[in-house]
Amino acid sequence: MFLFFSHKLTPHQIEEVKKLGVEEFVYLPKDLQEVFSNVPPDVESLGEYLKPLFLFLMENSKSGDYVLIQGEFGVVYRLVSFAKILDLIPIYATTKRITKEIVKDAKIVKISEFKHIRFRKY
């Protein structure tokens, strides 16, 4: 499974995705992770900017591979569309937000915990 994702997978996520038959996890090389995680907001169009990511997928994936894609909306849209052209299976993680409020130093502090629930196909 190729990971276009700004985090490391949790043990629970790894267990779940292995049930899909995934045996190998391919994180982006450091330079491509920088491209994916730091999309400049002032770029008019993403086409040229994303070419290195498209090339990486074309050169390293095969039909039927899973691709976890979560990030900046425009990048996600383009990568999901491209993954489908390559006959890959783009997925994303769903979470449940568990919110707690505590009083600390006479202030109310809100803490959110995100619990992985499942992967879903785009």
C-alpha atoms as a PDB file:
ATOM      1  CA  MET A   1       0.000   0.000   0.000  1.00  0.00           C
ATOM      2  CA  PHE A   2       1.344   3.403  -0.984  1.00  0.00           C
ATOM      3  CA  LEU A   3       0.984   6.078   1.688  1.00  0.00           C
ATOM      4  CA  PHE A   4       0.183   9.635   0.642  1.00  0.00           C
ATOM      5  CA  PHE A   5      -0.357  10.612   4.224  1.00  0.00           C
ATOM      6  CA  SER A   6       1.373  12.992   6.656  1.00  0.00           C
ATOM      7  CA  HIS A   7       1.382  10.592   9.616  1.00  0.00           C
ATOM      8  CA  LYS A   8       2.609   7.117  10.464  1.00  0.00           C
ATOM      9  CA  LEU A   9       0.012   4.361  10.540  1.00  0.00           C
ATOM     10  CA  THR A  10      -1.138   3.252  13.986  1.00  0.00           C
ATOM     11  CA  PRO A  11      -0.868  -0.419  14.977  1.00  0.00           C
ATOM     12  CA  HIS A  12      -4.682  -0.672  14.700  1.00  0.00           C
ATOM     13  CA  GLN A  13      -4.604   0.733  11.157  1.00  0.00           C
ATOM     14  CA  ILE A  14      -1.836  -1.682  10.167  1.00  0.00           C
ATOM     15  CA  GLU A  15      -3.840  -4.634  11.500  1.00  0.00           C
ATOM     16  CA  GLU A  16      -6.947  -3.541   9.626  1.00  0.00           C
ATOM     17  CA  VAL A  17      -5.263  -2.924   6.295  1.00  0.00           C
ATOM     18  CA  LYS A  18      -3.512  -6.296   6.456  1.00  0.00           C
ATOM     19  CA  LYS A  19      -7.004  -7.854   6.418  1.00  0.00           C
ATOM     20  CA  LEU A  20      -7.302  -6.389   2.899  1.00  0.00           C
ATOM     21  CA  GLY A  21      -4.296  -8.456   1.853  1.00  0.00           C
ATOM     22  CA  VAL A  22      -1.768  -5.633   2.104  1.00  0.00           C
ATOM     23  CA  GLU A  23       1.677  -6.977   2.920  1.00  0.00           C
ATOM     24  CA  GLU A  24       3.948  -4.007   2.216  1.00  0.00           C
ATOM     25  CA  PHE A  25       3.744  -0.342   3.176  1.00  0.00           C
ATOM     26  CA  VAL A  26       5.456   2.156   0.894  1.00  0.00           C
ATOM     27  CA  TYR A  27       6.023   5.527   2.533  1.00  0.00           C
ATOM     28  CA  LEU A  28       7.028   8.360   0.242  1.00  0.00           C
ATOM     29  CA  PRO A  29      10.747   9.144  -0.007  1.00  0.00           C
ATOM     30  CA  LYS A  30      11.639  12.194   2.082  1.00  0.00           C
ATOM     31  CA  ASP A  31      11.767  14.615  -0.877  1.00  0.00           C
ATOM     32  CA  LEU A  32       8.339  13.517  -2.132  1.00  0.00           C
ATOM     33  CA  GLN A  33       6.893  13.616   1.385  1.00  0.00           C
ATOM     34  CA  GLU A  34       7.971  17.272   1.491  1.00  0.00           C
ATOM     35  CA  VAL A  35       6.120  17.911  -1.781  1.00  0.00           C
ATOM     36  CA  PHE A  36       2.987  16.172  -0.491  1.00  0.00           C
ATOM     37  CA  SER A  37       2.953  17.713   2.993  1.00  0.00           C
ATOM     38  CA  ASN A  38       3.903  21.297   2.099  1.00  0.00           C
ATOM     39  CA  VAL A  39       1.719  22.394  -0.791  1.00  0.00           C
ATOM     40  CA  PRO A  40       2.309  26.102  -1.367  1.00  0.00           C
ATOM     41  CA  PRO A  41      -0.997  27.989  -1.207  1.00  0.00           C
ATOM     42  CA  ASP A  42       0.075  30.561  -3.794  1.00  0.00           C
ATOM     43  CA  VAL A  43       0.554  28.087  -6.678  1.00  0.00           C
ATOM     44  CA  GLU A  44      -2.056  28.765  -9.382  1.00  0.00           C
ATOM     45  CA  SER A  45      -2.312  25.152 -10.597  1.00  0.00           C
ATOM     46  CA  LEU A  46      -1.164  21.881  -9.037  1.00  0.00           C
ATOM     47  CA  GLY A  47      -0.485  19.975 -12.263  1.00  0.00           C
ATOM     48  CA  GLU A  48       3.207  20.752 -12.602  1.00  0.00           C
ATOM     49  CA  TYR A  49       3.779  20.740  -8.850  1.00  0.00           C
ATOM     50  CA  LEU A  50       2.389  17.198  -8.488  1.00  0.00           C
ATOM     51  CA  LYS A  51       4.290  15.634 -11.396  1.00  0.00           C
ATOM     52  CA  PRO A  52       6.906  13.997  -9.135  1.00  0.00           C
ATOM     53  CA  LEU A  53       4.123  12.287  -7.149  1.00  0.00           C
ATOM     54  CA  PHE A  54       2.387  11.072 -10.308  1.00  0.00           C
ATOM     55  CA  LEU A  55       5.681   9.721 -11.665  1.00  0.00           C
ATOM     56  CA  PHE A  56       6.388   7.914  -8.396  1.00  0.00           C
ATOM     57  CA  LEU A  57       3.028   6.145  -8.577  1.00  0.00           C
ATOM     58  CA  MET A  58       3.420   5.288 -12.261  1.00  0.00           C
ATOM     59  CA  GLU A  59       6.899   3.844 -11.766  1.00  0.00           C
ATOM     60  CA  ASN A  60       6.275   1.900  -8.562  1.00  0.00           C
ATOM     61  CA  SER A  61       2.669   0.706  -8.469  1.00  0.00           C
ATOM     62  CA  LYS A  62       0.780  -2.022 -10.251  1.00  0.00           C
ATOM     63  CA  SER A  63      -2.901  -2.509 -10.962  1.00  0.00           C
ATOM     64  CA  GLY A  64      -4.853  -3.392  -7.822  1.00  0.00           C
ATOM     65  CA  ASP A  65      -2.433  -1.804  -5.331  1.00  0.00           C
ATOM     66  CA  TYR A  66      -3.986   0.177  -2.491  1.00  0.00           C
ATOM     67  CA  VAL A  67      -3.130   3.870  -2.060  1.00  0.00           C
ATOM     68  CA  LEU A  68      -3.970   5.671   1.182  1.00  0.00           C
ATOM     69  CA  ILE A  69      -4.515   9.324   0.245  1.00  0.00           C
ATOM     70  CA  GLN A  70      -5.302  12.039   2.822  1.00  0.00           C
ATOM     71  CA  GLY A  71      -4.134  15.626   2.824  1.00  0.00           C
ATOM     72  CA  GLU A  72      -4.714  18.994   1.146  1.00  0.00           C
ATOM     73  CA  PHE A  73      -8.023  18.806  -0.714  1.00  0.00           C
ATOM     74  CA  GLY A  74      -6.798  19.738  -4.199  1.00  0.00           C
ATOM     75  CA  VAL A  75      -3.901  17.287  -3.967  1.00  0.00           C
ATOM     76  CA  VAL A  76      -6.204  14.516  -2.746  1.00  0.00           C
ATOM     77  CA  TYR A  77      -8.634  15.114  -5.602  1.00  0.00           C
ATOM     78  CA  ARG A  78      -5.882  14.981  -8.213  1.00  0.00           C
ATOM     79  CA  LEU A  79      -4.162  11.927  -6.715  1.00  0.00           C
ATOM     80  CA  VAL A  80      -7.395   9.959  -6.312  1.00  0.00           C
ATOM     81  CA  SER A  81      -8.335  10.677  -9.925  1.00  0.00           C
ATOM     82  CA  PHE A  82      -4.871   9.656 -11.114  1.00  0.00           C
ATOM     83  CA  ALA A  83      -4.840   6.495  -8.977  1.00  0.00           C
ATOM     84  CA  LYS A  84      -8.114   5.402 -10.552  1.00  0.00           C
ATOM     85  CA  ILE A  85      -6.666   5.914 -14.048  1.00  0.00           C
ATOM     86  CA  LEU A  86      -3.798   3.592 -13.041  1.00  0.00           C
ATOM     87  CA  ASP A  87      -6.358   1.025 -11.791  1.00  0.00           C
ATOM     88  CA  LEU A  88      -5.209   1.444  -8.195  1.00  0.00           C
ATOM     89  CA  ILE A  89      -7.531   1.355  -5.180  1.00  0.00           C
ATOM     90  CA  PRO A  90      -7.517   4.741  -3.405  1.00  0.00           C
ATOM     91  CA  ILE A  91      -8.700   4.677   0.218  1.00  0.00           C
ATOM     92  CA  TYR A  92      -8.866   6.984   3.218  1.00  0.00           C
ATOM     93  CA  ALA A  93      -9.118   6.515   6.981  1.00  0.00           C
ATOM     94  CA  THR A  94     -12.262   7.381   8.908  1.00  0.00           C
ATOM     95  CA  THR A  95     -12.113   8.434  12.549  1.00  0.00           C
ATOM     96  CA  LYS A  96     -14.389   9.099  15.471  1.00  0.00           C
ATOM     97  CA  ARG A  97     -13.709  12.267  17.439  1.00  0.00           C
ATOM     98  CA  ILE A  98     -13.938  11.852  21.204  1.00  0.00           C
ATOM     99  CA  THR A  99     -13.991  15.248  22.919  1.00  0.00           C
ATOM    100  CA  LYS A 100     -13.362  15.930  26.601  1.00  0.00           C
ATOM    101  CA  GLU A 101     -13.462  19.205  28.460  1.00  0.00           C
ATOM    102  CA  ILE A 102     -11.367  19.780  31.557  1.00  0.00           C
ATOM    103  CA  VAL A 103     -10.934  22.797  33.807  1.00  0.00           C
ATOM    104  CA  LYS A 104      -7.306  23.854  34.078  1.00  0.00           C
ATOM    105  CA  ASP A 105      -6.093  27.078  35.663  1.00  0.00           C
ATOM    106  CA  ALA A 106      -9.646  28.508  35.686  1.00  0.00           C
ATOM    107  CA  LYS A 107      -9.983  27.832  31.953  1.00  0.00           C
ATOM    108  CA  ILE A 108     -11.920  25.211  30.084  1.00  0.00           C
ATOM    109  CA  VAL A 109      -9.610  23.144  27.899  1.00  0.00           C
ATOM    110  CA  LYS A 110     -11.066  21.022  25.136  1.00  0.00           C
ATOM    111  CA  ILE A 111      -9.170  17.858  24.221  1.00  0.00           C
ATOM    112  CA  SER A 112      -9.986  15.879  21.082  1.00  0.00           C
ATOM    113  CA  GLU A 113      -8.934  12.286  20.580  1.00  0.00           C
ATOM    114  CA  PHE A 114      -9.290  10.758  17.138  1.00  0.00           C
ATOM    115  CA  LYS A 115      -9.982   7.023  17.112  1.00  0.00           C
ATOM    116  CA  HIS A 116      -9.475   5.130  13.851  1.00  0.00           C
ATOM    117  CA  ILE A 117     -12.645   3.323  12.781  1.00  0.00           C
ATOM    118  CA  ARG A 118     -12.086   1.957   9.275  1.00  0.00           C
ATOM    119  CA  PHE A 119     -10.699   2.527   5.818  1.00  0.00           C
ATOM    120  CA  ARG A 120     -13.107   3.521   3.059  1.00  0.00           C
ATOM    121  CA  LYS A 121     -12.674   3.477  -0.717  1.00  0.00           C
ATOM    122  CA  TYR A 122     -12.992   6.759  -2.587  1.00  0.00           C
END
